[in-house]
């Protein structure tokens, strides 16, 4: 069942990319890079949450990383 969800999210991301990419002017390189980056990050996060449904929220993950890097506040 997870495979169906992964394929569905991938199809939606591809369709969104195909629909929006031509609407961004070719001179707006930073906007295209930002759109592609945010789309890929969102797609990746969705896939990770499908594979690992009991994973903590993004805020808890970032908090864990910050505590590991800088110690407890």
N, C-alpha and C. Protein backbone atom coordinates (compact mmCIF):
# COMPACT_ATOMS: atom_id res chain seq x y z
N UNK A 1 0.82 -1.19 0.00
CA UNK A 1 0.00 0.00 0.00
C UNK A 1 0.86 1.26 0.00
N UNK A 2 2.03 1.16 0.66
CA UNK A 2 2.92 2.31 0.69
C UNK A 2 3.39 2.67 -0.72
N UNK A 3 3.54 1.67 -1.56
CA UNK A 3 3.97 1.91 -2.94
C UNK A 3 2.97 2.77 -3.70
N UNK A 4 1.69 2.54 -3.46
CA UNK A 4 0.65 3.33 -4.13
C UNK A 4 0.73 4.78 -3.68
N UNK A 5 0.95 5.00 -2.39
CA UNK A 5 1.07 6.37 -1.87
C UNK A 5 2.30 7.06 -2.44
N UNK A 6 3.40 6.34 -2.49
CA UNK A 6 4.64 6.92 -3.02
C UNK A 6 4.48 7.30 -4.48
N UNK A 7 3.88 6.41 -5.27
CA UNK A 7 3.66 6.70 -6.68
C UNK A 7 2.70 7.88 -6.84
N UNK A 8 1.66 7.92 -6.02
CA UNK A 8 0.68 9.02 -6.11
C UNK A 8 1.32 10.36 -5.80
N UNK A 9 2.12 10.43 -4.75
CA UNK A 9 2.79 11.68 -4.40
C UNK A 9 3.79 12.07 -5.48
N UNK A 10 4.48 11.10 -6.05
CA UNK A 10 5.42 11.39 -7.12
C UNK A 10 4.70 11.93 -8.34
N UNK A 11 3.58 11.35 -8.69
CA UNK A 11 2.81 11.83 -9.85
C UNK A 11 2.30 13.25 -9.61
N UNK A 12 1.81 13.52 -8.41
CA UNK A 12 1.32 14.87 -8.10
C UNK A 12 2.46 15.88 -8.17
N UNK A 13 3.63 15.52 -7.64
CA UNK A 13 4.78 16.43 -7.68
C UNK A 13 5.22 16.68 -9.12
N UNK A 14 5.22 15.65 -9.94
CA UNK A 14 5.61 15.82 -11.34
C UNK A 14 4.60 16.68 -12.09
N UNK A 15 3.32 16.44 -11.87
CA UNK A 15 2.29 17.26 -12.52
C UNK A 15 2.37 18.72 -12.08
N UNK A 16 2.60 18.93 -10.81
CA UNK A 16 2.76 20.30 -10.31
C UNK A 16 3.97 20.96 -10.96
N UNK A 17 5.04 20.22 -11.08
CA UNK A 17 6.26 20.74 -11.69
C UNK A 17 6.03 21.06 -13.17
N UNK A 18 5.36 20.17 -13.89
CA UNK A 18 5.08 20.39 -15.31
C UNK A 18 4.16 21.59 -15.51
N UNK A 19 3.21 21.78 -14.62
CA UNK A 19 2.26 22.87 -14.75
C UNK A 19 2.89 24.22 -14.42
N UNK A 20 3.70 24.27 -13.36
CA UNK A 20 4.22 25.55 -12.89
C UNK A 20 5.51 25.98 -13.59
N UNK A 21 6.36 25.06 -14.00
CA UNK A 21 7.67 25.40 -14.55
C UNK A 21 7.59 26.34 -15.75
N UNK A 22 6.71 26.09 -16.72
CA UNK A 22 6.65 27.02 -17.87
C UNK A 22 6.13 28.41 -17.50
N UNK A 23 5.40 28.52 -16.40
CA UNK A 23 4.85 29.82 -16.00
C UNK A 23 5.91 30.73 -15.37
N UNK A 24 7.03 30.16 -14.93
CA UNK A 24 8.11 30.96 -14.39
C UNK A 24 8.95 31.44 -15.56
N UNK A 25 9.17 32.74 -15.63
CA UNK A 25 9.93 33.30 -16.74
C UNK A 25 11.34 32.72 -16.77
N UNK A 26 11.89 32.58 -17.97
CA UNK A 26 13.21 31.97 -18.11
C UNK A 26 14.31 32.85 -17.52
N UNK A 27 14.05 34.13 -17.33
CA UNK A 27 15.06 35.02 -16.75
C UNK A 27 15.09 34.93 -15.22
N UNK A 28 14.11 34.33 -14.63
CA UNK A 28 14.02 34.23 -13.18
C UNK A 28 14.67 32.93 -12.70
N UNK A 29 15.99 32.92 -12.73
CA UNK A 29 16.74 31.71 -12.39
C UNK A 29 16.61 31.37 -10.91
N UNK A 30 16.67 32.39 -10.05
CA UNK A 30 16.57 32.13 -8.60
C UNK A 30 15.19 31.59 -8.25
N UNK A 31 14.16 32.08 -8.90
CA UNK A 31 12.81 31.59 -8.63
C UNK A 31 12.66 30.14 -9.06
N UNK A 32 13.26 29.80 -10.20
CA UNK A 32 13.20 28.41 -10.65
C UNK A 32 13.96 27.50 -9.69
N UNK A 33 15.11 27.96 -9.23
CA UNK A 33 15.90 27.15 -8.29
C UNK A 33 15.14 26.98 -6.98
N UNK A 34 14.52 28.04 -6.49
CA UNK A 34 13.76 27.95 -5.25
C UNK A 34 12.56 27.02 -5.41
N UNK A 35 11.85 27.14 -6.52
CA UNK A 35 10.69 26.27 -6.76
C UNK A 35 11.11 24.81 -6.81
N UNK A 36 12.18 24.52 -7.54
CA UNK A 36 12.65 23.14 -7.65
C UNK A 36 13.11 22.61 -6.29
N UNK A 37 13.83 23.43 -5.54
CA UNK A 37 14.32 23.00 -4.23
C UNK A 37 13.19 22.72 -3.26
N UNK A 38 12.23 23.63 -3.18
CA UNK A 38 11.12 23.44 -2.26
C UNK A 38 10.25 22.25 -2.67
N UNK A 39 10.08 22.06 -3.96
CA UNK A 39 9.30 20.91 -4.44
C UNK A 39 9.98 19.60 -4.07
N UNK A 40 11.29 19.53 -4.28
CA UNK A 40 12.02 18.30 -3.97
C UNK A 40 12.04 18.04 -2.46
N UNK A 41 12.22 19.08 -1.66
CA UNK A 41 12.21 18.91 -0.20
C UNK A 41 10.83 18.43 0.27
N UNK A 42 9.78 19.01 -0.26
CA UNK A 42 8.43 18.59 0.11
C UNK A 42 8.13 17.17 -0.31
N UNK A 43 8.57 16.82 -1.53
CA UNK A 43 8.38 15.46 -2.01
C UNK A 43 9.14 14.48 -1.12
N UNK A 44 10.39 14.82 -0.80
CA UNK A 44 11.20 13.95 0.05
C UNK A 44 10.61 13.77 1.43
N UNK A 45 10.12 14.86 2.01
CA UNK A 45 9.51 14.77 3.34
C UNK A 45 8.27 13.90 3.30
N UNK A 46 7.46 14.03 2.26
CA UNK A 46 6.26 13.21 2.14
C UNK A 46 6.61 11.73 2.02
N UNK A 47 7.63 11.42 1.24
CA UNK A 47 8.05 10.03 1.06
C UNK A 47 8.58 9.47 2.38
N UNK A 48 9.37 10.26 3.10
CA UNK A 48 9.93 9.81 4.37
C UNK A 48 8.82 9.53 5.37
N UNK A 49 7.80 10.41 5.41
CA UNK A 49 6.70 10.18 6.35
C UNK A 49 5.81 9.01 5.95
N UNK A 50 5.82 8.62 4.70
CA UNK A 50 5.09 7.41 4.30
C UNK A 50 5.86 6.18 4.73
N UNK A 51 7.17 6.21 4.55
CA UNK A 51 7.99 5.05 4.89
C UNK A 51 8.10 4.88 6.41
N UNK A 52 8.25 6.00 7.13
CA UNK A 52 8.40 5.97 8.59
C UNK A 52 7.26 6.77 9.22
N UNK A 53 6.06 6.20 9.34
CA UNK A 53 4.91 6.97 9.82
C UNK A 53 4.98 7.37 11.30
N UNK A 54 5.78 6.67 12.09
CA UNK A 54 5.87 6.99 13.51
C UNK A 54 6.99 7.97 13.84
N UNK A 55 7.58 8.53 12.80
CA UNK A 55 8.67 9.48 13.00
C UNK A 55 8.13 10.76 13.64
N UNK A 56 8.98 11.44 14.39
CA UNK A 56 8.57 12.67 15.04
C UNK A 56 8.31 13.79 14.05
N UNK A 57 7.78 14.88 14.57
CA UNK A 57 7.48 16.02 13.71
C UNK A 57 8.78 16.69 13.26
N UNK A 58 8.72 17.50 12.19
CA UNK A 58 9.92 18.20 11.74
C UNK A 58 10.51 19.10 12.81
N UNK A 59 9.68 19.71 13.64
CA UNK A 59 10.19 20.57 14.72
C UNK A 59 11.02 19.75 15.72
N UNK A 60 10.56 18.55 16.05
CA UNK A 60 11.31 17.70 16.98
C UNK A 60 12.62 17.23 16.35
N UNK A 61 12.61 16.96 15.07
CA UNK A 61 13.83 16.53 14.38
C UNK A 61 14.85 17.65 14.38
N UNK A 62 14.43 18.86 14.06
CA UNK A 62 15.34 20.01 14.07
C UNK A 62 15.84 20.29 15.48
N UNK A 63 14.97 20.18 16.46
CA UNK A 63 15.37 20.37 17.85
C UNK A 63 16.43 19.34 18.25
N UNK A 64 16.24 18.10 17.85
CA UNK A 64 17.21 17.05 18.15
C UNK A 64 18.57 17.37 17.51
N UNK A 65 18.56 17.81 16.27
CA UNK A 65 19.81 18.14 15.58
C UNK A 65 20.52 19.31 16.26
N UNK A 66 19.77 20.34 16.62
CA UNK A 66 20.37 21.50 17.27
C UNK A 66 20.95 21.13 18.63
N UNK A 67 20.24 20.30 19.40
CA UNK A 67 20.75 19.89 20.70
C UNK A 67 22.03 19.07 20.53
N UNK A 68 22.08 18.22 19.51
CA UNK A 68 23.28 17.41 19.28
C UNK A 68 24.46 18.29 18.87
N UNK A 69 24.20 19.34 18.12
CA UNK A 69 25.29 20.21 17.66
C UNK A 69 25.76 21.18 18.72
N UNK A 70 24.83 21.80 19.44
CA UNK A 70 25.19 22.89 20.35
C UNK A 70 24.97 22.57 21.82
N UNK A 71 24.45 21.43 22.13
CA UNK A 71 24.19 21.08 23.51
C UNK A 71 22.87 21.63 24.00
N UNK A 72 22.44 21.21 25.18
CA UNK A 72 21.16 21.71 25.71
C UNK A 72 21.27 23.19 26.08
N UNK A 73 20.17 23.88 25.93
CA UNK A 73 20.16 25.32 26.21
C UNK A 73 19.81 25.54 27.64
